[in-house]
N, C-alpha and C. Protein backbone atom coordinates (compact mmCIF):
# COMPACT_ATOMS: atom_id res chain seq x y z
N MET A 1 19.71 -18.36 -32.27
CA MET A 1 19.76 -16.94 -31.99
C MET A 1 18.41 -16.31 -32.37
N MET A 2 17.89 -15.51 -31.50
CA MET A 2 16.60 -14.88 -31.75
C MET A 2 16.76 -13.71 -32.71
N ALA A 3 15.78 -13.52 -33.54
CA ALA A 3 15.78 -12.37 -34.43
C ALA A 3 15.56 -11.11 -33.60
N ALA A 4 16.11 -10.03 -34.07
CA ALA A 4 15.98 -8.76 -33.36
C ALA A 4 15.08 -7.83 -34.16
N THR A 5 14.51 -6.89 -33.47
CA THR A 5 13.65 -5.91 -34.10
C THR A 5 14.38 -4.58 -34.14
N MET A 6 14.36 -3.93 -35.28
CA MET A 6 15.01 -2.64 -35.40
C MET A 6 13.95 -1.57 -35.54
N SER A 7 14.11 -0.53 -34.82
CA SER A 7 13.20 0.59 -34.91
C SER A 7 13.33 1.24 -36.28
N PRO A 8 12.23 1.62 -36.89
CA PRO A 8 12.33 2.28 -38.18
C PRO A 8 12.95 3.67 -38.09
N ASP A 9 12.97 4.25 -36.89
CA ASP A 9 13.47 5.61 -36.72
C ASP A 9 14.95 5.70 -36.39
N ASN A 10 15.57 4.60 -35.98
CA ASN A 10 17.00 4.64 -35.67
C ASN A 10 17.60 3.26 -35.86
N GLN A 11 18.86 3.14 -35.56
CA GLN A 11 19.58 1.90 -35.82
C GLN A 11 19.72 1.01 -34.58
N ILE A 12 19.00 1.30 -33.52
CA ILE A 12 19.07 0.48 -32.32
C ILE A 12 18.36 -0.84 -32.57
N VAL A 13 19.04 -1.93 -32.28
CA VAL A 13 18.44 -3.25 -32.41
C VAL A 13 17.81 -3.60 -31.06
N ILE A 14 16.51 -3.76 -31.07
CA ILE A 14 15.76 -4.04 -29.84
C ILE A 14 15.35 -5.51 -29.88
N PRO A 15 15.79 -6.30 -28.89
CA PRO A 15 15.43 -7.72 -28.91
C PRO A 15 13.93 -7.92 -28.74
N PRO A 16 13.41 -8.96 -29.36
CA PRO A 16 11.97 -9.26 -29.23
C PRO A 16 11.52 -9.39 -27.78
N SER A 17 12.41 -9.88 -26.92
CA SER A 17 12.04 -10.03 -25.51
C SER A 17 11.70 -8.69 -24.87
N PHE A 18 12.37 -7.63 -25.32
CA PHE A 18 12.05 -6.31 -24.78
C PHE A 18 10.82 -5.72 -25.45
N VAL A 19 10.68 -5.91 -26.75
CA VAL A 19 9.50 -5.42 -27.46
C VAL A 19 8.25 -6.03 -26.82
N ALA A 20 8.35 -7.27 -26.36
CA ALA A 20 7.22 -7.95 -25.72
C ALA A 20 6.76 -7.22 -24.46
N VAL A 21 7.66 -6.52 -23.80
CA VAL A 21 7.30 -5.75 -22.60
C VAL A 21 6.24 -4.70 -22.96
N TYR A 22 6.31 -4.19 -24.17
CA TYR A 22 5.41 -3.13 -24.62
C TYR A 22 4.35 -3.60 -25.61
N THR A 23 4.19 -4.90 -25.76
CA THR A 23 3.22 -5.43 -26.70
C THR A 23 2.14 -6.19 -25.95
N ASP A 24 0.90 -5.80 -26.18
CA ASP A 24 -0.22 -6.46 -25.52
C ASP A 24 -0.41 -7.86 -26.10
N PRO A 25 -0.88 -8.81 -25.29
CA PRO A 25 -1.13 -10.16 -25.78
C PRO A 25 -2.04 -10.15 -27.01
N GLY A 26 -1.65 -10.95 -28.00
CA GLY A 26 -2.44 -11.05 -29.21
C GLY A 26 -2.17 -9.95 -30.23
N ARG A 27 -1.30 -9.02 -29.88
CA ARG A 27 -0.96 -7.92 -30.78
C ARG A 27 0.44 -8.14 -31.33
N HIS A 28 0.76 -7.45 -32.42
CA HIS A 28 2.08 -7.59 -33.03
C HIS A 28 2.92 -6.32 -32.91
N LYS A 29 2.26 -5.20 -32.68
CA LYS A 29 2.98 -3.93 -32.58
C LYS A 29 2.93 -3.43 -31.14
N PRO A 30 4.01 -2.78 -30.70
CA PRO A 30 4.00 -2.21 -29.35
C PRO A 30 2.92 -1.16 -29.18
N ARG A 31 2.44 -1.00 -27.96
CA ARG A 31 1.40 -0.02 -27.68
C ARG A 31 1.98 1.39 -27.55
N GLU A 32 3.28 1.51 -27.50
CA GLU A 32 3.96 2.81 -27.41
C GLU A 32 4.72 3.07 -28.70
N PRO A 33 5.00 4.33 -29.02
CA PRO A 33 5.79 4.64 -30.22
C PRO A 33 7.19 4.02 -30.13
N TRP A 34 7.76 3.69 -31.31
CA TRP A 34 9.08 3.08 -31.35
C TRP A 34 10.12 3.91 -30.61
N ALA A 35 10.02 5.23 -30.72
CA ALA A 35 11.01 6.09 -30.05
C ALA A 35 10.99 5.86 -28.54
N HIS A 36 9.80 5.71 -27.98
CA HIS A 36 9.67 5.47 -26.55
C HIS A 36 10.23 4.09 -26.18
N VAL A 37 9.87 3.07 -26.98
CA VAL A 37 10.36 1.71 -26.73
C VAL A 37 11.89 1.69 -26.81
N ALA A 38 12.45 2.35 -27.80
CA ALA A 38 13.91 2.40 -27.96
C ALA A 38 14.57 3.10 -26.78
N GLN A 39 13.98 4.20 -26.33
CA GLN A 39 14.53 4.93 -25.18
C GLN A 39 14.51 4.06 -23.93
N ARG A 40 13.40 3.39 -23.70
CA ARG A 40 13.29 2.54 -22.51
C ARG A 40 14.22 1.34 -22.61
N TYR A 41 14.37 0.79 -23.83
CA TYR A 41 15.29 -0.32 -24.02
C TYR A 41 16.71 0.10 -23.67
N GLU A 42 17.12 1.26 -24.16
CA GLU A 42 18.47 1.74 -23.85
C GLU A 42 18.67 1.88 -22.35
N LEU A 43 17.68 2.44 -21.66
CA LEU A 43 17.75 2.59 -20.21
C LEU A 43 17.88 1.23 -19.53
N CYS A 44 17.05 0.29 -19.93
CA CYS A 44 17.05 -1.04 -19.29
C CYS A 44 18.32 -1.81 -19.60
N GLU A 45 18.80 -1.75 -20.83
CA GLU A 45 20.04 -2.43 -21.19
C GLU A 45 21.22 -1.82 -20.41
N ASP A 46 21.24 -0.49 -20.32
CA ASP A 46 22.29 0.18 -19.54
C ASP A 46 22.24 -0.25 -18.08
N MET A 47 21.03 -0.36 -17.54
CA MET A 47 20.87 -0.78 -16.14
C MET A 47 21.42 -2.19 -15.94
N ALA A 48 21.08 -3.09 -16.84
CA ALA A 48 21.57 -4.47 -16.73
C ALA A 48 23.10 -4.49 -16.82
N GLN A 49 23.66 -3.76 -17.75
CA GLN A 49 25.12 -3.70 -17.91
C GLN A 49 25.78 -3.11 -16.66
N MET A 50 25.16 -2.07 -16.10
CA MET A 50 25.71 -1.42 -14.92
C MET A 50 25.70 -2.35 -13.70
N LEU A 51 24.75 -3.25 -13.64
CA LEU A 51 24.62 -4.16 -12.50
C LEU A 51 25.53 -5.38 -12.57
N VAL A 52 26.15 -5.62 -13.72
CA VAL A 52 26.96 -6.83 -13.89
C VAL A 52 28.06 -6.94 -12.85
N ASN A 53 28.89 -5.91 -12.70
CA ASN A 53 30.01 -6.02 -11.76
C ASN A 53 29.57 -6.18 -10.31
N PRO A 54 28.68 -5.31 -9.79
CA PRO A 54 28.27 -5.53 -8.39
C PRO A 54 27.53 -6.86 -8.19
N ALA A 55 26.73 -7.26 -9.16
CA ALA A 55 26.03 -8.53 -9.04
C ALA A 55 27.00 -9.70 -9.07
N SER A 56 28.00 -9.61 -9.92
CA SER A 56 29.02 -10.66 -10.01
C SER A 56 29.77 -10.80 -8.68
N GLU A 57 30.10 -9.65 -8.09
CA GLU A 57 30.78 -9.67 -6.78
C GLU A 57 29.92 -10.35 -5.73
N GLN A 58 28.63 -10.01 -5.71
CA GLN A 58 27.72 -10.63 -4.73
C GLN A 58 27.54 -12.12 -5.01
N MET A 59 27.49 -12.47 -6.27
CA MET A 59 27.33 -13.86 -6.65
C MET A 59 28.49 -14.69 -6.11
N HIS A 60 29.69 -14.20 -6.30
CA HIS A 60 30.86 -14.94 -5.83
C HIS A 60 31.02 -14.87 -4.31
N LYS A 61 30.72 -13.73 -3.74
CA LYS A 61 30.84 -13.56 -2.29
C LYS A 61 29.86 -14.48 -1.54
N LEU A 62 28.63 -14.58 -2.05
CA LEU A 62 27.60 -15.36 -1.37
C LEU A 62 27.46 -16.78 -1.90
N GLY A 63 28.15 -17.08 -2.99
CA GLY A 63 28.05 -18.41 -3.57
C GLY A 63 26.69 -18.71 -4.15
N ILE A 64 26.08 -17.71 -4.79
CA ILE A 64 24.75 -17.91 -5.38
C ILE A 64 24.84 -17.91 -6.90
N THR A 65 23.77 -18.34 -7.54
CA THR A 65 23.74 -18.46 -8.99
C THR A 65 23.40 -17.11 -9.65
N PRO A 66 23.66 -17.00 -10.95
CA PRO A 66 23.25 -15.78 -11.66
C PRO A 66 21.74 -15.51 -11.52
N ASP A 67 20.93 -16.56 -11.57
CA ASP A 67 19.49 -16.36 -11.42
C ASP A 67 19.13 -15.84 -10.03
N ASP A 68 19.82 -16.34 -9.00
CA ASP A 68 19.55 -15.88 -7.63
C ASP A 68 19.88 -14.40 -7.46
N VAL A 69 21.04 -14.00 -7.94
CA VAL A 69 21.44 -12.60 -7.77
C VAL A 69 20.55 -11.69 -8.63
N ALA A 70 20.17 -12.16 -9.82
CA ALA A 70 19.28 -11.37 -10.67
C ALA A 70 17.91 -11.21 -10.01
N HIS A 71 17.41 -12.27 -9.38
CA HIS A 71 16.12 -12.20 -8.67
C HIS A 71 16.19 -11.14 -7.57
N THR A 72 17.28 -11.11 -6.83
CA THR A 72 17.45 -10.12 -5.77
C THR A 72 17.47 -8.71 -6.35
N CYS A 73 18.14 -8.54 -7.48
CA CYS A 73 18.18 -7.23 -8.14
C CYS A 73 16.80 -6.80 -8.60
N VAL A 74 16.03 -7.75 -9.14
CA VAL A 74 14.67 -7.43 -9.59
C VAL A 74 13.84 -6.92 -8.41
N GLN A 75 13.99 -7.55 -7.26
CA GLN A 75 13.22 -7.11 -6.09
C GLN A 75 13.50 -5.65 -5.78
N GLY A 76 14.76 -5.24 -5.89
CA GLY A 76 15.11 -3.84 -5.68
C GLY A 76 14.57 -2.94 -6.79
N LEU A 77 14.63 -3.41 -8.02
CA LEU A 77 14.17 -2.62 -9.15
C LEU A 77 12.65 -2.47 -9.20
N LEU A 78 11.94 -3.33 -8.49
CA LEU A 78 10.48 -3.22 -8.44
C LEU A 78 10.03 -2.02 -7.62
N ASN A 79 10.94 -1.43 -6.86
CA ASN A 79 10.65 -0.21 -6.11
C ASN A 79 10.36 0.91 -7.11
N PRO A 80 9.24 1.61 -6.96
CA PRO A 80 8.91 2.68 -7.91
C PRO A 80 10.01 3.74 -8.06
N GLU A 81 10.82 3.90 -7.04
CA GLU A 81 11.91 4.88 -7.12
C GLU A 81 12.98 4.49 -8.13
N SER A 82 12.96 3.23 -8.60
CA SER A 82 13.95 2.81 -9.59
C SER A 82 13.69 3.48 -10.94
N GLY A 83 12.45 3.92 -11.15
CA GLY A 83 12.09 4.53 -12.43
C GLY A 83 11.71 3.53 -13.50
N LEU A 84 11.67 2.25 -13.14
CA LEU A 84 11.32 1.21 -14.10
C LEU A 84 9.91 0.70 -13.85
N LEU A 85 9.24 0.33 -14.92
CA LEU A 85 7.97 -0.39 -14.80
C LEU A 85 8.27 -1.80 -14.32
N ALA A 86 7.30 -2.46 -13.75
CA ALA A 86 7.51 -3.82 -13.24
C ALA A 86 8.01 -4.76 -14.33
N ASP A 87 7.41 -4.71 -15.51
CA ASP A 87 7.83 -5.58 -16.61
C ASP A 87 9.26 -5.26 -17.06
N GLU A 88 9.63 -3.99 -17.00
CA GLU A 88 11.00 -3.60 -17.34
C GLU A 88 11.97 -4.16 -16.31
N ALA A 89 11.60 -4.09 -15.03
CA ALA A 89 12.47 -4.60 -13.96
C ALA A 89 12.71 -6.10 -14.15
N VAL A 90 11.67 -6.82 -14.50
CA VAL A 90 11.80 -8.26 -14.74
C VAL A 90 12.71 -8.50 -15.94
N TRP A 91 12.56 -7.70 -16.99
CA TRP A 91 13.41 -7.86 -18.17
C TRP A 91 14.87 -7.58 -17.80
N VAL A 92 15.11 -6.54 -17.01
CA VAL A 92 16.48 -6.23 -16.59
C VAL A 92 17.06 -7.42 -15.82
N GLY A 93 16.27 -8.03 -14.96
CA GLY A 93 16.74 -9.19 -14.21
C GLY A 93 17.10 -10.35 -15.12
N ARG A 94 16.26 -10.60 -16.12
CA ARG A 94 16.57 -11.69 -17.07
C ARG A 94 17.84 -11.38 -17.85
N ARG A 95 17.96 -10.14 -18.28
CA ARG A 95 19.14 -9.74 -19.04
C ARG A 95 20.38 -9.82 -18.17
N LEU A 96 20.27 -9.41 -16.92
CA LEU A 96 21.40 -9.48 -15.99
C LEU A 96 21.82 -10.93 -15.80
N ALA A 97 20.87 -11.84 -15.59
CA ALA A 97 21.21 -13.26 -15.42
C ALA A 97 21.92 -13.78 -16.67
N GLU A 98 21.44 -13.36 -17.83
CA GLU A 98 22.06 -13.77 -19.09
C GLU A 98 23.50 -13.26 -19.17
N LEU A 99 23.72 -12.00 -18.84
CA LEU A 99 25.06 -11.42 -18.89
C LEU A 99 25.98 -12.08 -17.88
N LEU A 100 25.48 -12.37 -16.70
CA LEU A 100 26.29 -13.04 -15.68
C LEU A 100 26.66 -14.45 -16.12
N ALA A 101 25.70 -15.15 -16.71
CA ALA A 101 25.98 -16.53 -17.18
C ALA A 101 27.01 -16.53 -18.30
N LEU A 102 26.96 -15.52 -19.16
CA LEU A 102 27.93 -15.43 -20.25
C LEU A 102 29.33 -15.17 -19.73
N GLY A 103 29.42 -14.45 -18.61
CA GLY A 103 30.72 -14.12 -18.05
C GLY A 103 31.27 -15.19 -17.12
N ALA A 104 30.44 -16.18 -16.80
CA ALA A 104 30.86 -17.20 -15.84
C ALA A 104 31.78 -18.21 -16.45
């Protein structure tokens, strides 16, 4: 189990995989304030959770894997209208695949 990072300003546990979205290579601290990282994490986690049911339906309907359906979702989330940064969209896709695999 991976260790989680907790924001000093609140009790939200932010996984290292998400903190990495906001951390430049070779650095240890995010380039954005913790409050911003926490807000974006909540948005991205909510997005992944919201996509579980429709993605699961598509997975079973089309006979595709969790990774396949997550990849398709990422392609949609890469649209600027999604409100997500590209790295956030990729993280949502990984989290969605993880959630789908756990439910399988």
